[in-house]
Amino acid sequence: MSGSNDPEILNLEEAATLLGVSVKTFNKVLHSQSLPARKIGREWKFSRRALIEWVGSGKSDDFYRDGGPTEETAAAGGVPEERRRTSGWRLELD
């Protein structure tokens, strides 16, 4: 739970901790998603409230699809791309 001593503005490490992910994973999401953030000088800054709202606005069905053709690939006559649970994050998996 958020206490009264928790800062409202977070740096990258604090934001990753808030979301419970590693800094490496958070950095990948930062570069592949539209996270609510500002870059001030060389440092990224995040609003605690905006990050929580961003997580809350996501939908699980964006990540779990049946793997069938998407509207775009069906319309273009193409082959559907492989769907993964993390495909919505557009992460490069090892």
C-alpha atoms as a PDB file:
ATOM      1  CA  MET A   1       0.000   0.000   0.000  1.00  0.00           C
ATOM      2  CA  SER A   2       1.067   3.531  -0.653  1.00  0.00           C
ATOM      3  CA  GLY A   3       2.038   5.461   2.459  1.00  0.00           C
ATOM      4  CA  SER A   4       2.126   9.190   3.012  1.00  0.00           C
ATOM      5  CA  ASN A   5       5.949   9.142   2.799  1.00  0.00           C
ATOM      6  CA  ASP A   6       5.996   7.602  -0.701  1.00  0.00           C
ATOM      7  CA  PRO A   7       7.190  10.090  -3.315  1.00  0.00           C
ATOM      8  CA  GLU A   8       4.750  11.102  -6.047  1.00  0.00           C
ATOM      9  CA  ILE A   9       7.533  11.459  -8.644  1.00  0.00           C
ATOM     10  CA  LEU A  10       9.667   8.360  -9.236  1.00  0.00           C
ATOM     11  CA  ASN A  11      12.925   7.688 -11.016  1.00  0.00           C
ATOM     12  CA  LEU A  12      13.375   4.635 -13.252  1.00  0.00           C
ATOM     13  CA  GLU A  13      14.459   2.289 -10.459  1.00  0.00           C
ATOM     14  CA  GLU A  14      11.608   3.357  -8.175  1.00  0.00           C
ATOM     15  CA  ALA A  15       9.059   2.976 -10.988  1.00  0.00           C
ATOM     16  CA  ALA A  16      10.308  -0.549 -11.747  1.00  0.00           C
ATOM     17  CA  THR A  17      10.042  -1.433  -8.045  1.00  0.00           C
ATOM     18  CA  LEU A  18       6.513  -0.005  -7.894  1.00  0.00           C
ATOM     19  CA  LEU A  19       5.452  -2.292 -10.756  1.00  0.00           C
ATOM     20  CA  GLY A  20       7.361  -5.246  -9.344  1.00  0.00           C
ATOM     21  CA  VAL A  21       9.607  -5.807 -12.349  1.00  0.00           C
ATOM     22  CA  SER A  22      13.332  -5.598 -12.971  1.00  0.00           C
ATOM     23  CA  VAL A  23      14.862  -2.375 -14.240  1.00  0.00           C
ATOM     24  CA  LYS A  24      15.793  -4.216 -17.451  1.00  0.00           C
ATOM     25  CA  THR A  25      12.191  -5.289 -18.069  1.00  0.00           C
ATOM     26  CA  PHE A  26      10.853  -1.851 -17.173  1.00  0.00           C
ATOM     27  CA  ASN A  27      13.319  -0.232 -19.572  1.00  0.00           C
ATOM     28  CA  LYS A  28      12.135  -2.529 -22.396  1.00  0.00           C
ATOM     29  CA  VAL A  29       8.521  -1.572 -21.703  1.00  0.00           C
ATOM     30  CA  LEU A  30       9.481   2.111 -21.534  1.00  0.00           C
ATOM     31  CA  HIS A  31      10.949   1.928 -25.037  1.00  0.00           C
ATOM     32  CA  SER A  32       8.178  -0.192 -26.572  1.00  0.00           C
ATOM     33  CA  GLN A  33       5.013   1.156 -24.943  1.00  0.00           C
ATOM     34  CA  SER A  34       3.429   4.505 -24.383  1.00  0.00           C
ATOM     35  CA  LEU A  35       4.204   4.868 -20.689  1.00  0.00           C
ATOM     36  CA  PRO A  36       3.214   8.061 -18.889  1.00  0.00           C
ATOM     37  CA  ALA A  37       6.661   9.610 -18.392  1.00  0.00           C
ATOM     38  CA  ARG A  38       8.843  12.664 -18.933  1.00  0.00           C
ATOM     39  CA  LYS A  39      12.527  12.801 -19.674  1.00  0.00           C
ATOM     40  CA  ILE A  40      14.149  15.618 -17.741  1.00  0.00           C
ATOM     41  CA  GLY A  41      17.758  16.041 -18.716  1.00  0.00           C
ATOM     42  CA  ARG A  42      19.156  12.532 -18.855  1.00  0.00           C
ATOM     43  CA  GLU A  43      16.686  11.026 -16.401  1.00  0.00           C
ATOM     44  CA  TRP A  44      13.191   9.630 -16.813  1.00  0.00           C
ATOM     45  CA  LYS A  45      10.584  10.714 -14.268  1.00  0.00           C
ATOM     46  CA  PHE A  46       7.290   8.966 -13.589  1.00  0.00           C
ATOM     47  CA  SER A  47       4.148   9.886 -11.699  1.00  0.00           C
ATOM     48  CA  ARG A  48       3.219   7.156  -9.204  1.00  0.00           C
ATOM     49  CA  ARG A  49      -0.493   7.780  -9.820  1.00  0.00           C
ATOM     50  CA  ALA A  50      -0.129   7.809 -13.630  1.00  0.00           C
ATOM     51  CA  LEU A  51       1.761   4.482 -13.615  1.00  0.00           C
ATOM     52  CA  ILE A  52      -0.895   2.868 -11.443  1.00  0.00           C
ATOM     53  CA  GLU A  53      -3.635   4.199 -13.740  1.00  0.00           C
ATOM     54  CA  TRP A  54      -1.683   2.970 -16.811  1.00  0.00           C
ATOM     55  CA  VAL A  55      -1.508  -0.548 -15.385  1.00  0.00           C
ATOM     56  CA  GLY A  56      -5.178  -0.395 -14.417  1.00  0.00           C
ATOM     57  CA  SER A  57      -6.228   0.674 -17.908  1.00  0.00           C
ATOM     58  CA  GLY A  58      -4.744  -2.419 -19.571  1.00  0.00           C
ATOM     59  CA  LYS A  59      -6.888  -5.372 -20.582  1.00  0.00           C
ATOM     60  CA  SER A  60      -5.758  -8.984 -20.318  1.00  0.00           C
ATOM     61  CA  ASP A  61      -7.426  -9.892 -23.619  1.00  0.00           C
ATOM     62  CA  ASP A  62      -4.899  -7.618 -25.353  1.00  0.00           C
ATOM     63  CA  PHE A  63      -2.325 -10.297 -24.461  1.00  0.00           C
ATOM     64  CA  TYR A  64      -4.362 -13.493 -24.790  1.00  0.00           C
ATOM     65  CA  ARG A  65      -5.583 -14.042 -28.323  1.00  0.00           C
ATOM     66  CA  ASP A  66      -6.506 -17.240 -30.106  1.00  0.00           C
ATOM     67  CA  GLY A  67      -3.664 -16.868 -32.598  1.00  0.00           C
ATOM     68  CA  GLY A  68      -6.020 -16.550 -35.560  1.00  0.00           C
ATOM     69  CA  PRO A  69      -5.630 -13.903 -38.255  1.00  0.00           C
ATOM     70  CA  THR A  70      -5.869 -10.336 -37.087  1.00  0.00           C
ATOM     71  CA  GLU A  71      -8.058  -7.900 -38.979  1.00  0.00           C
ATOM     72  CA  GLU A  72      -4.974  -6.325 -40.538  1.00  0.00           C
ATOM     73  CA  THR A  73      -3.419  -9.574 -41.730  1.00  0.00           C
ATOM     74  CA  ALA A  74      -6.734 -10.937 -42.977  1.00  0.00           C
ATOM     75  CA  ALA A  75      -7.451  -7.747 -44.915  1.00  0.00           C
ATOM     76  CA  ALA A  76      -3.965  -7.762 -46.417  1.00  0.00           C
ATOM     77  CA  GLY A  77      -4.149 -11.470 -47.246  1.00  0.00           C
ATOM     78  CA  GLY A  78      -1.050 -12.037 -45.138  1.00  0.00           C
ATOM     79  CA  VAL A  79      -0.053 -14.685 -42.696  1.00  0.00           C
ATOM     80  CA  PRO A  80      -0.888 -13.823 -39.086  1.00  0.00           C
ATOM     81  CA  GLU A  81       2.072 -13.069 -36.857  1.00  0.00           C
ATOM     82  CA  GLU A  82       2.784 -15.474 -34.021  1.00  0.00           C
ATOM     83  CA  ARG A  83       0.953 -14.370 -30.897  1.00  0.00           C
ATOM     84  CA  ARG A  84       2.599 -14.583 -27.519  1.00  0.00           C
ATOM     85  CA  ARG A  85       1.389 -13.590 -24.134  1.00  0.00           C
ATOM     86  CA  THR A  86       3.812 -10.671 -24.229  1.00  0.00           C
ATOM     87  CA  SER A  87       3.195  -9.658 -27.839  1.00  0.00           C
ATOM     88  CA  GLY A  88       1.347  -6.559 -26.666  1.00  0.00           C
ATOM     89  CA  TRP A  89       4.543  -5.365 -25.032  1.00  0.00           C
ATOM     90  CA  ARG A  90       6.588  -5.934 -28.213  1.00  0.00           C
ATOM     91  CA  LEU A  91       9.520  -7.300 -26.239  1.00  0.00           C
ATOM     92  CA  GLU A  92      12.397  -9.143 -27.862  1.00  0.00           C
ATOM     93  CA  LEU A  93      12.447 -12.545 -26.228  1.00  0.00           C
ATOM     94  CA  ASP A  94      15.714 -14.419 -25.873  1.00  0.00           C
END
